[in-house]
Protein backbone atom coordinates (compact mmCIF):
# COMPACT_ATOMS: atom_id res chain seq x y z
CA MET A 1 -112.80 213.12 68.55
CA GLY A 2 -113.12 212.33 64.52
CA ILE A 3 -115.81 211.61 62.27
CA TYR A 4 -115.10 207.85 61.99
CA ILE A 5 -112.02 207.37 64.75
CA ASN A 6 -112.83 207.77 68.45
CA LYS A 7 -116.16 209.11 68.03
CA GLY A 8 -116.80 209.38 71.81
CA ASN A 9 -119.75 208.11 73.93
CA ASN A 10 -122.27 210.53 72.94
CA ALA A 11 -124.60 208.14 70.94
CA PHE A 12 -124.72 205.63 73.46
CA ARG A 13 -125.27 208.04 76.53
CA ASN A 14 -128.25 209.15 74.23
CA ILE A 15 -129.57 205.39 74.45
CA VAL A 16 -129.10 204.90 78.20
CA ARG A 17 -130.64 208.27 78.82
CA GLN A 18 -134.17 206.78 77.92
CA GLU A 19 -135.44 203.47 79.00
CA TYR A 20 -132.64 201.24 78.26
CA VAL A 21 -133.00 197.18 77.93
CA ASP A 22 -129.66 196.44 79.29
CA LYS A 23 -128.04 194.24 76.78
CA THR A 24 -124.36 195.02 78.18
CA SER A 25 -123.80 191.17 78.23
CA LEU A 26 -122.07 191.39 74.64
CA ILE A 27 -119.37 193.30 75.99
CA PRO A 28 -117.69 190.21 77.82
CA LEU A 29 -118.36 188.06 75.05
CA ILE A 30 -116.66 190.46 72.62
CA ASN A 31 -113.95 190.84 75.17
CA ALA A 32 -113.48 187.15 74.94
CA THR A 33 -112.45 187.21 71.44
CA ILE A 34 -109.92 189.93 71.80
CA ASP A 35 -106.33 189.15 70.44
CA THR A 36 -107.48 185.42 69.58
CA GLU A 37 -108.30 183.46 66.62
CA ASN A 38 -111.80 184.68 67.02
CA ARG A 39 -111.12 188.50 67.10
CA TYR A 40 -113.12 188.95 63.97
CA SER A 41 -116.87 188.80 64.73
CA CYS A 42 -120.14 189.35 62.07
CA VAL A 43 -123.34 189.88 63.50
CA THR A 44 -126.47 189.80 61.19
CA ARG A 45 -129.98 190.35 62.11
CA CYS A 46 -132.97 191.98 60.84
CA ARG A 47 -133.72 195.59 60.49
CA ARG A 48 -134.75 197.36 63.64
CA PHE A 49 -133.19 194.63 66.08
CA GLY A 50 -131.18 195.96 68.10
CA LYS A 51 -127.82 195.80 65.64
CA SER A 52 -126.80 199.53 65.56
CA MET A 53 -127.61 200.33 69.33
CA ALA A 54 -124.90 197.54 70.32
CA ALA A 55 -122.38 198.88 67.98
CA LYS A 56 -122.78 202.11 69.59
CA MET A 57 -122.40 200.36 72.77
CA LEU A 58 -119.04 198.62 72.13
CA CYS A 59 -117.84 202.43 70.44
CA ALA A 60 -118.48 203.83 74.04
CA TYR A 61 -116.91 201.06 75.85
CA TYR A 62 -113.52 200.51 73.75
CA ASP A 63 -113.01 204.26 73.09
CA LYS A 64 -109.77 205.68 74.57
CA SER A 65 -110.87 209.29 73.80
CA CYS A 66 -113.66 209.15 76.75
CA SER A 67 -114.45 207.72 79.84
CA SER A 68 -117.43 205.74 79.55
CA ARG A 69 -117.59 203.91 83.44
CA GLU A 70 -120.32 206.03 84.84
CA LEU A 71 -122.44 204.81 81.49
CA PHE A 72 -122.25 201.44 82.53
CA ARG A 73 -122.53 201.87 86.12
CA GLY A 74 -124.91 199.07 87.55
CA LEU A 75 -125.34 197.26 84.11
CA LYS A 76 -124.48 193.91 83.66
CA ALA A 77 -120.87 194.21 82.09
CA GLU A 78 -119.83 196.24 84.85
CA HIS A 79 -119.81 192.91 86.66
CA ALA A 80 -117.70 191.03 84.41
CA PRO A 81 -114.21 189.83 85.38
CA SER A 82 -112.81 191.75 81.79
CA PHE A 83 -114.86 194.75 82.13
CA GLU A 84 -112.12 196.88 83.72
CA ALA A 85 -109.20 195.22 81.53
CA TYR A 86 -110.76 196.67 78.17
CA LEU A 87 -112.63 199.58 79.42
CA ASN A 88 -111.66 202.68 76.94
CA LYS A 89 -108.49 200.99 75.91
CA TYR A 90 -108.36 201.38 72.34
CA TYR A 91 -108.90 203.28 69.26
CA VAL A 92 -112.04 202.69 67.89
CA ILE A 93 -112.86 203.11 64.22
CA SER A 94 -116.53 203.12 63.68
CA ILE A 95 -118.06 203.52 60.08
CA ASP A 96 -121.77 203.28 59.32
CA MET A 97 -121.79 201.95 55.77
CA THR A 98 -125.16 203.12 54.79
CA ASP A 99 -123.68 206.72 54.98
CA PHE A 100 -121.50 206.29 52.26
CA THR A 101 -124.38 204.08 50.22
CA THR A 102 -126.93 207.37 50.76
CA LYS A 103 -123.87 210.00 49.81
CA TYR A 104 -121.95 208.34 47.15
CA ARG A 105 -125.19 206.07 45.61
CA ARG A 106 -124.17 206.81 42.31
CA GLU A 107 -120.37 207.07 42.19
CA ARG A 108 -118.18 204.13 40.98
CA ASP A 109 -115.40 204.87 43.34
CA ILE A 110 -117.26 204.70 46.54
CA VAL A 111 -114.67 202.38 47.86
CA LYS A 112 -111.76 204.89 47.37
CA ARG A 113 -113.73 207.89 48.67
CA MET A 114 -114.55 206.10 51.87
CA GLN A 115 -110.90 204.97 52.52
CA ASN A 116 -110.33 208.71 51.57
CA ARG A 117 -112.58 209.88 54.26
CA VAL A 118 -111.13 207.12 56.83
CA ILE A 119 -107.37 208.00 55.93
CA ASN A 120 -107.75 211.60 56.48
CA ASP A 121 -109.35 210.86 60.35
CA VAL A 122 -106.45 208.59 61.27
CA LEU A 123 -104.06 210.85 60.23
CA ALA A 124 -105.72 214.12 61.77
CA GLU A 125 -105.37 211.67 64.96
CA PHE A 126 -101.74 210.50 63.94
CA PRO A 127 -100.26 213.78 62.27
CA GLN A 128 -96.89 212.16 62.78
CA ILE A 129 -97.76 209.56 60.14
CA SER A 130 -96.72 210.13 56.58
CA LYS A 131 -98.75 208.84 53.44
CA GLN A 132 -97.68 207.85 50.36
CA ASP A 133 -99.85 208.17 47.03
CA ASP A 134 -100.39 204.64 46.71
CA ASP A 135 -101.63 203.86 50.27
CA ASP A 136 -104.61 202.56 51.24
CA LEU A 137 -106.21 202.38 54.55
CA MET A 138 -104.32 199.30 55.82
CA ASP A 139 -101.01 200.84 54.93
CA ILE A 140 -101.99 203.68 57.05
CA LEU A 141 -103.42 201.70 59.92
CA TYR A 142 -100.04 199.27 59.99
CA ARG A 143 -97.98 202.22 59.88
CA VAL A 144 -99.31 203.92 62.69
CA TYR A 145 -99.01 200.28 65.14
CA GLN A 146 -95.15 200.60 63.60
CA SER A 147 -94.74 203.64 64.69
CA THR A 148 -96.80 204.18 68.06
CA GLY A 149 -97.64 200.60 68.97
CA GLU A 150 -101.42 201.55 69.19
CA ARG A 151 -104.11 198.91 68.27
CA PHE A 152 -107.57 199.37 66.63
CA VAL A 153 -110.79 198.27 67.48
CA MET A 154 -113.01 198.65 63.87
CA ILE A 155 -116.72 198.31 64.06
CA ILE A 156 -118.33 198.52 60.80
CA ASP A 157 -122.36 199.14 61.14
CA GLU A 158 -124.25 197.71 58.03
CA TRP A 159 -121.25 196.20 56.64
CA ASP A 160 -123.40 194.77 53.61
CA ALA A 161 -124.76 197.82 52.68
CA ILE A 162 -122.68 198.47 49.40
CA LEU A 163 -123.26 194.56 48.58
CA ARG A 164 -127.03 194.63 49.08
CA GLU A 165 -127.34 198.32 47.44
CA MET A 166 -125.06 198.40 44.70
CA GLY A 167 -124.46 194.69 44.23
CA THR A 168 -124.99 194.79 40.59
CA ASP A 169 -121.63 196.00 39.97
CA ASP A 170 -118.92 193.80 39.77
CA ASP A 171 -116.22 196.44 39.98
CA ILE A 172 -117.81 198.00 43.23
CA THR A 173 -118.37 194.51 44.90
CA THR A 174 -114.89 193.52 43.92
CA ALA A 175 -113.05 196.78 45.47
CA TYR A 176 -115.09 196.70 48.32
CA VAL A 177 -114.42 192.66 49.15
CA ASP A 178 -110.63 193.43 48.11
CA LEU A 179 -110.91 196.17 50.96
CA LEU A 180 -112.11 193.99 53.71
CA ARG A 181 -109.82 191.24 53.05
CA ARG A 182 -106.92 193.83 52.99
CA LEU A 183 -108.07 194.77 56.47
CA PHE A 184 -108.97 191.55 58.19
CA LYS A 185 -107.01 188.79 56.20
CA GLY A 186 -103.80 190.28 55.58
CA SER A 187 -100.56 189.80 57.02
CA GLY A 188 -100.57 192.73 59.23
CA SER A 189 -104.43 192.46 60.47
CA ASP A 190 -103.76 190.80 63.59
CA ASP A 191 -101.26 193.42 64.78
CA VAL A 192 -103.31 196.17 63.64
CA PHE A 193 -106.77 195.11 64.96
CA ALA A 194 -107.39 193.58 68.38
CA ALA A 195 -111.03 192.90 67.28
CA ALA A 196 -113.33 193.67 64.50
CA TYR A 197 -117.28 193.55 64.94
CA LEU A 198 -119.33 193.58 61.96
CA THR A 199 -122.92 194.18 61.66
CA GLY A 200 -125.54 193.50 58.84
CA ILE A 201 -128.46 191.69 57.70
CA LEU A 202 -126.81 189.57 55.49
CA PRO A 203 -123.95 186.86 56.67
CA ILE A 204 -120.68 187.15 54.54
CA LYS A 205 -121.08 185.84 51.01
CA LYS A 206 -120.04 182.50 49.88
CA TYR A 207 -117.86 182.11 46.98
CA ASN A 208 -118.26 178.53 45.71
CA THR A 209 -117.68 176.62 48.96
CA GLU A 210 -116.50 179.26 51.37
CA SER A 211 -116.71 183.07 51.97
CA ALA A 212 -114.26 185.83 51.35
CA LEU A 213 -113.88 186.01 55.03
CA ASN A 214 -113.65 182.95 56.47
CA ASN A 215 -111.73 184.08 59.24
CA PHE A 216 -114.67 185.64 60.47
CA CYS A 217 -117.08 184.35 63.07
CA GLU A 218 -120.35 184.62 62.07
CA TYR A 219 -123.67 185.13 64.06
CA SER A 220 -126.75 185.00 62.30
CA MET A 221 -130.76 184.66 62.56
CA ILE A 222 -130.21 181.06 61.69
CA ASP A 223 -126.98 180.09 63.60
CA PRO A 224 -126.51 182.65 66.57
CA ALA A 225 -124.32 180.51 68.89
CA PHE A 226 -123.90 182.20 72.35
CA LEU A 227 -125.20 185.63 71.35
CA ALA A 228 -128.86 184.67 70.81
CA SER A 229 -130.30 186.69 73.73
CA CYS A 230 -127.56 189.92 73.07
CA TYR A 231 -130.28 191.25 70.51
CA GLY A 232 -133.91 191.16 70.27
CA PHE A 233 -135.90 191.51 73.70
CA THR A 234 -136.69 187.91 75.61
CA ASN A 235 -139.93 187.08 77.25
CA GLU A 236 -138.60 187.97 80.90
CA GLU A 237 -137.45 191.65 79.48
CA VAL A 238 -140.81 192.42 77.91
CA GLN A 239 -142.65 191.37 80.87
CA ARG A 240 -140.78 193.77 83.16
CA LEU A 241 -141.31 196.55 80.73
CA ALA A 242 -145.46 195.39 80.22
CA GLU A 243 -145.51 195.55 83.97
CA ARG A 244 -143.87 199.11 84.39
CA HIS A 245 -146.25 200.40 81.68
CA GLY A 246 -149.19 198.56 82.54
CA ALA A 247 -149.30 197.28 79.02
CA SER A 248 -150.82 193.77 78.06
CA MET A 249 -148.17 191.19 78.05
CA GLU A 250 -150.74 189.18 75.66
CA SER A 251 -150.68 191.76 73.39
CA LEU A 252 -147.14 192.27 73.05
CA LYS A 253 -146.62 188.73 72.78
CA LEU A 254 -149.30 187.95 69.65
CA TRP A 255 -147.71 191.22 67.93
CA TYR A 256 -143.89 191.08 68.60
CA ASP A 257 -142.78 187.77 69.88
CA GLY A 258 -142.44 184.66 68.05
CA TYR A 259 -138.84 184.47 67.15
CA LYS A 260 -136.54 181.51 68.01
CA ILE A 261 -132.86 182.44 67.81
CA GLY A 262 -130.77 179.67 68.62
CA CYS A 263 -131.51 178.64 72.10
CA GLU A 264 -133.60 181.55 72.71
CA THR A 265 -137.20 180.18 71.85
CA SER A 266 -138.89 183.53 72.28
CA ILE A 267 -137.60 186.71 71.07
CA TYR A 268 -139.30 189.97 70.50
CA ASN A 269 -138.87 192.61 67.67
CA PRO A 270 -137.32 195.20 70.32
CA TYR A 271 -137.81 198.44 67.99
CA SER A 272 -141.75 197.54 67.76
CA VAL A 273 -142.25 196.60 71.52
CA MET A 274 -140.61 200.02 72.44
CA LYS A 275 -142.83 201.85 69.87
CA ALA A 276 -145.90 199.96 71.26
CA LEU A 277 -145.15 201.36 74.78
CA GLN A 278 -144.49 204.75 73.98
CA ARG A 279 -147.57 205.01 71.99
CA ARG A 280 -149.63 202.99 74.25
CA SER A 281 -150.83 201.04 71.08
CA CYS A 282 -149.85 197.93 69.33
CA ARG A 283 -149.86 198.04 65.77
CA SER A 284 -147.17 197.40 63.04
CA TYR A 285 -144.00 199.75 63.38
CA TRP A 286 -141.74 197.59 61.56
CA THR A 287 -142.14 199.04 57.89
CA THR A 288 -139.08 199.02 56.01
CA THR A 289 -139.18 199.91 52.34
CA GLY A 290 -136.09 198.01 50.99
CA ALA A 291 -137.05 194.74 52.55
CA TYR A 292 -140.55 195.11 52.12
CA ASP A 293 -139.81 195.51 48.17
CA SER A 294 -137.46 192.45 48.19
CA VAL A 295 -140.30 190.48 49.82
CA ILE A 296 -142.74 191.29 46.99
CA THR A 297 -140.06 190.05 44.44
CA TYR A 298 -139.27 187.09 45.82
CA ILE A 299 -143.02 186.00 46.76
CA GLN A 300 -143.51 186.29 43.00
CA MET A 301 -140.68 183.76 41.91
CA ASN A 302 -142.06 181.03 40.32
CA PHE A 303 -140.38 178.00 42.19
CA GLU A 304 -142.52 175.00 42.65
CA GLY A 305 -144.41 174.63 46.24
CA LEU A 306 -143.23 178.54 47.09
CA LYS A 307 -146.91 179.93 46.95
CA ASP A 308 -148.35 176.90 48.63
CA ASP A 309 -145.91 177.32 51.25
CA ILE A 310 -146.71 180.99 52.31
CA ILE A 311 -150.38 180.32 52.14
CA ARG A 312 -149.85 177.50 54.73
CA MET A 313 -147.50 179.39 57.06
CA LEU A 314 -150.07 182.61 56.68
CA ALA A 315 -152.23 180.01 57.82
CA GLY A 316 -150.20 179.12 60.87
CA GLU A 317 -148.34 176.05 59.42
CA ARG A 318 -144.49 175.59 59.40
CA VAL A 319 -142.76 174.23 56.56
CA TYR A 320 -139.49 172.53 56.14
CA VAL A 321 -136.75 175.04 54.78
CA ASN A 322 -132.92 174.00 53.52
CA THR A 323 -130.87 177.13 54.64
CA SER A 324 -127.37 175.48 53.66
CA LYS A 325 -127.00 176.36 49.89
CA PHE A 326 -128.25 180.04 50.15
CA GLN A 327 -125.17 182.06 48.83
CA ASN A 328 -126.05 184.92 50.89
CA ASP A 329 -126.51 187.15 48.18
CA MET A 330 -129.98 188.51 47.43
CA ARG A 331 -129.25 188.49 43.88
CA ILE A 332 -128.46 184.76 43.71
CA VAL A 333 -132.04 183.63 44.45
CA ARG A 334 -132.01 179.97 42.66
CA SER A 335 -134.89 177.68 44.61
CA LYS A 336 -137.74 177.89 46.84
CA ASN A 337 -135.24 177.33 49.96
CA ASP A 338 -133.25 180.32 49.03
CA VAL A 339 -136.62 182.48 48.76
CA LEU A 340 -137.32 181.08 52.62
CA THR A 341 -133.66 181.63 53.64
CA VAL A 342 -133.77 185.45 52.39
CA LEU A 343 -136.71 185.81 54.07
CA ILE A 344 -135.62 184.52 57.56
CA HIS A 345 -132.57 186.81 57.33
CA LEU A 346 -135.07 189.93 56.65
CA GLY A 347 -136.93 189.02 59.64
CA TYR A 348 -140.57 187.96 58.00
CA LEU A 349 -139.98 184.25 58.77
CA ALA A 350 -138.91 183.03 61.83
CA TYR A 351 -136.41 179.64 61.75
CA ASP A 352 -136.54 176.96 64.24
CA GLU A 353 -133.22 175.45 63.73
CA ASP A 354 -134.04 171.97 65.35
CA ALA A 355 -136.78 171.49 63.41
CA GLN A 356 -135.59 173.21 60.36
CA GLU A 357 -138.62 174.82 59.68
CA CYS A 358 -139.69 178.19 59.05
CA TYR A 359 -142.84 180.19 60.05
CA MET A 360 -144.65 183.46 60.49
CA PRO A 361 -143.61 184.81 63.98
CA ASN A 362 -145.85 186.81 65.02
CA LYS A 363 -149.08 189.51 64.07
CA GLU A 364 -146.69 192.45 62.76
CA VAL A 365 -145.01 190.64 60.53
CA ALA A 366 -147.81 188.73 59.16
CA GLU A 367 -149.56 191.90 58.23
CA GLU A 368 -146.55 193.24 56.80
CA PHE A 369 -146.28 190.18 54.49
CA LEU A 370 -150.18 190.26 53.65
CA ASN A 371 -149.46 193.84 52.61
CA ALA A 372 -146.51 192.68 50.24
CA VAL A 373 -148.48 189.90 48.98
CA GLU A 374 -151.80 192.80 48.30
CA ASP A 375 -149.05 194.75 46.31
CA THR A 376 -148.46 191.85 43.90
CA SER A 377 -150.12 189.99 40.78
CA TRP A 378 -151.08 187.04 42.77
CA THR A 379 -154.79 187.73 43.58
CA ARG A 380 -155.04 183.99 44.41
CA LEU A 381 -153.97 184.75 48.22
CA VAL A 382 -155.96 188.16 48.61
CA ASP A 383 -159.07 186.22 47.45
CA ALA A 384 -158.38 183.13 49.53
CA ILE A 385 -158.03 186.10 52.82
CA THR A 386 -161.65 187.59 51.71
CA ALA A 387 -163.18 184.13 51.70
CA SER A 388 -161.53 183.21 55.04
CA GLN A 389 -163.28 186.28 56.31
CA ASN A 390 -166.62 185.44 55.01
CA LEU A 391 -165.87 181.78 56.40
CA LEU A 392 -165.53 182.89 59.88
CA GLU A 393 -168.82 185.15 59.71
CA ALA A 394 -170.99 181.93 58.26
CA THR A 395 -169.56 180.07 60.86
CA ILE A 396 -170.40 182.32 63.70
CA ALA A 397 -173.79 182.96 62.01
CA GLY A 398 -174.64 179.14 62.00
CA ASN A 399 -174.86 178.85 58.43
CA GLU A 400 -174.08 175.75 57.63
CA GLU A 401 -174.65 175.50 53.77
CA ALA A 402 -172.65 178.43 53.28
CA VAL A 403 -169.90 176.66 55.47
CA SER A 404 -169.94 173.64 53.58
CA LYS A 405 -169.60 175.67 50.28
CA ALA A 406 -166.71 177.94 51.63
CA ILE A 407 -164.72 174.91 52.32
CA ASP A 408 -165.76 172.96 48.89
CA VAL A 409 -163.91 176.00 47.44
CA ALA A 410 -161.13 176.01 49.84
CA HIS A 411 -160.60 172.27 48.77
CA ASP A 412 -160.33 173.05 45.30
CA GLU A 413 -157.98 175.82 45.77
CA HIS A 414 -155.66 174.15 47.85
CA THR A 415 -155.63 170.46 47.04
CA SER A 416 -151.85 171.19 46.05
CA ILE A 417 -150.63 171.58 49.43
CA LEU A 418 -151.34 168.34 49.98
CA SER A 419 -153.09 164.88 49.51
CA TYR A 420 -156.72 164.99 50.85
CA ASN A 421 -157.40 161.53 51.98
CA ASP A 422 -157.76 161.78 55.97
CA GLU A 423 -158.98 164.07 58.86
CA ASN A 424 -155.27 165.53 59.23
CA SER A 425 -155.53 166.41 55.46
CA LEU A 426 -158.98 168.12 55.98
CA ALA A 427 -157.63 169.95 59.22
CA CYS A 428 -154.77 171.70 57.14
CA VAL A 429 -157.17 172.82 54.57
CA LEU A 430 -159.25 174.22 57.25
CA THR A 431 -156.37 176.05 58.88
CA VAL A 432 -155.68 177.77 55.49
CA ALA A 433 -159.60 178.28 55.37
CA TYR A 434 -159.59 180.23 58.35
CA ILE A 435 -156.44 182.52 57.64
CA TRP A 436 -158.63 185.48 58.54
CA ALA A 437 -159.55 184.13 61.87
CA ARG A 438 -155.62 184.47 62.96
CA ASN A 439 -156.81 188.43 63.74
CA GLU A 440 -159.44 187.44 66.13
CA TYR A 441 -158.69 184.05 67.37
CA ILE A 442 -155.72 181.62 68.92
CA ILE A 443 -155.79 178.53 66.61
CA HIS A 444 -154.89 175.44 67.90
CA ARG A 445 -154.62 171.97 66.43
CA GLU A 446 -154.98 168.41 67.94
CA TYR A 447 -155.92 170.44 71.28
CA ALA A 448 -156.20 168.59 74.06
CA THR A 449 -159.90 168.72 75.63
CA GLY A 450 -161.79 166.49 77.98
CA LYS A 451 -161.10 162.56 77.14
CA GLY A 452 -159.37 163.50 73.63
CA TYR A 453 -158.14 165.98 71.31
CA ALA A 454 -159.90 168.19 69.35
CA ASP A 455 -158.83 168.91 65.55
CA LEU A 456 -159.31 172.75 65.75
CA VAL A 457 -160.01 174.61 68.71
CA MET A 458 -160.38 178.71 68.03
CA ILE A 459 -160.37 180.71 71.10
CA PRO A 460 -161.27 184.57 70.95
CA ARG A 461 -158.39 186.91 71.71
CA ARG A 462 -158.84 189.28 74.85
CA ASN A 463 -161.36 191.87 74.00
CA VAL A 464 -162.98 190.07 71.24
CA GLU A 465 -166.35 189.42 71.86
CA LYS A 466 -166.83 186.34 69.84
CA PRO A 467 -167.50 182.73 70.74
CA ALA A 468 -165.07 180.10 71.02
CA LEU A 469 -165.43 177.32 68.14
CA ILE A 470 -164.56 173.44 68.68
CA ILE A 471 -164.23 172.11 65.08
CA GLU A 472 -164.32 168.39 64.81
CA LEU A 473 -163.39 166.67 61.35
CA LYS A 474 -164.54 163.30 59.75
CA PHE A 475 -163.80 161.58 56.52
CA ASN A 476 -166.63 159.60 55.17
CA HIS A 477 -168.84 159.92 57.79
CA THR A 478 -171.16 162.52 58.68
CA ALA A 479 -171.08 166.23 60.41
CA ASP A 480 -173.34 164.86 63.07
CA THR A 481 -171.29 161.88 63.81
CA ALA A 482 -168.48 164.48 64.54
CA ILE A 483 -170.70 166.91 67.04
CA ASP A 484 -171.26 163.69 68.77
CA GLN A 485 -167.90 162.80 69.07
CA ILE A 486 -167.40 166.37 70.57
CA LYS A 487 -170.10 165.98 73.22
CA ARG A 488 -168.81 162.33 74.05
CA LYS A 489 -165.43 163.54 74.81
CA GLN A 490 -166.40 166.22 76.90
CA TYR A 491 -164.57 168.80 74.80
CA PRO A 492 -166.47 171.86 75.81
CA ALA A 493 -165.99 171.55 79.47
CA LYS A 494 -161.92 171.91 78.91
CA ILE A 495 -162.81 175.10 76.80
CA ALA A 496 -165.54 176.33 79.04
CA GLU A 497 -162.24 177.69 81.14
CA TYR A 498 -161.63 180.19 78.40
CA THR A 499 -165.08 181.59 77.49
CA GLY A 500 -168.57 180.22 77.90
CA ASP A 501 -170.16 180.83 74.52
CA LEU A 502 -169.19 177.67 72.36
CA LEU A 503 -169.55 176.67 68.96
CA LEU A 504 -169.74 172.98 68.07
CA VAL A 505 -169.00 172.59 64.17
CA GLY A 506 -168.72 169.12 62.84
CA ILE A 507 -167.64 168.99 59.17
CA ASN A 508 -167.46 166.04 56.96
CA TYR A 509 -165.98 165.25 53.88
CA ASP A 510 -167.44 162.19 51.67
CA LYS A 511 -164.82 161.48 49.19
CA GLU A 512 -167.58 159.47 46.63
CA THR A 513 -169.33 162.84 46.57
CA LYS A 514 -166.01 164.90 46.96
CA GLN A 515 -168.67 167.37 49.09
CA HIS A 516 -168.37 168.94 52.74
CA SER A 517 -171.02 168.75 55.21
CA CYS A 518 -171.63 170.83 58.38
CA LYS A 519 -173.14 170.83 61.44
CA ILE A 520 -173.37 173.80 63.85
CA GLU A 521 -174.26 173.71 67.59
CA ARG A 522 -174.56 176.67 69.82
CA MET A 523 -173.75 176.12 73.50
CA VAL A 524 -174.26 179.38 75.30
CA LYS A 525 -173.16 179.40 79.15
CA VAL A 526 -176.05 180.03 82.02
């Protein structure tokens, strides 16, 4: 057992000793790539999404220095036809690249040092193999293959750590990329490696129109292909955990759901779900300094429309994003689309591939995003959040004049977001104005109620002792007309299924005076 070669199965054993959500369905999918043109896999997900746990699982499965059969007993992989064929059959080289970026952060020869450490481990396992002065890691591995016929599975966790943390040094990045090319794109690569599995945050960097390692199959937050359900928790998995722990599924969904990854429409942050269950409290467990600092940098970039899009997403809206031009390099950010794409890879935004839209996935991420915004020099959104809190309080208090004035201010602040010429435009401004309400309400646009659709419906979350709000919007009419429409279309009858106490809110915008008017009526369940 070495430091980097055949590390054994203790790491995965420690994982399954705890409450393990079975993600071994990944194993037959990787088995299907062995000794094929698709043998090189690169999986990228945001931090704390299960990448490292999956890497440890694969190490335990393929490592021929140990017996891992008992660890997989009763798990999904055990029932796969390929399970026995590859169980504990390979020499596994496993590297966590952050070990090296931490130890050799200030060393410009970090790539050479890393190679030497791994070479020493390999030579200790194969003492009959000679080493020449100019040998690199690939020379040694190929010599092992020629001498013994043994082949390798290589697993590199956080493969892009050097590029993310030391990417400003071209000599380091060039040496690292050259090493990866030597390993996985050389003439002897397919002989030496039965498979390779890389994990990271960013997909492989693009150089002009192709990547340095275009023989890798990539599975990212944006394009996960058939690995979508192998990382993160599905709705069914969280439902089982919630029942087992007596936890609120509604709270777990509010805080940690919201990622649409490929064909999986409901993916939860697994690290945060498990922390919430262990500590019996839903709150943000996702603080990661590196990503947090990056968010602050990106949202302050002066790209046209970026800040307006951030406001819209914090208000629950979705925005279009073109992810195709991003170079997969956090230092090369040339447009608003690049910023949004980076934030998707970092997990601060979710991505709907079908609609090509991004959005804030859940309360945990929104809170972290707001924290990042507050640490910037951008006071506009901070002021908007304070104003939104005051607006909600004024609405619940029935202060029609204060509500009208607050919406006037919101209109003036956010007219750059969209043209202001109909009820839909007014509804968009209202969703921004009520950003704060999302802490306590589930907000619906165009909500089916009675005989029609309410423009805006705000239903209090569980354990929130506040009335539901039905907001009807009018353009060049009157606030009283809006209230009458609510009553005429029997909106409250539908909302009453959720709560008894209702506020009917009518808002009108007069295009000539450029002023809003408001009418509020309270309906109390008897």
